[in-house]
């Protein structure tokens, strides 16, 4: 299993242990909030203990990419219809395939295989956009 964390300017997302070994919670180190889909959208908010909506696994996908899967619903992060969402995906959807790009400072950028945009929270909500060099909001790390 692969886990990762996101750095947001002064805020760092870290992976916190979930209740099951094969899942992880992606936590914002600065705010203490977690990536989740509790309200039906992909967001970073406070959570309650045991929320499966805030637990994620990573599955290998074709071409050296991977899918990010939510424990609660089994949905996959994708951008098929524009914004970052978590939903059912069809086999071969590149919109649900993510590629790692390592940075010189030990972080990883998560790039969508289909559109070439990067998963980030530069302006608040989780989104996939082009980024400027050094955007910490688009940097992730494995722990």
Foldseek 3Di string as FASTA:
>chain_A
DWDKWFFAPPWIWDWDDAPDNQKTFTATRVVRWTFFCPVNFTATGHDDHPPQRRIWHWADAPPQWIWIAGRPPRFTFFQPPHWTGTHDDDRPPLRRTWHWDADPVQWTFTARRPPRFTFFQNPHGTGTHHDDPPRRRRTMHTD
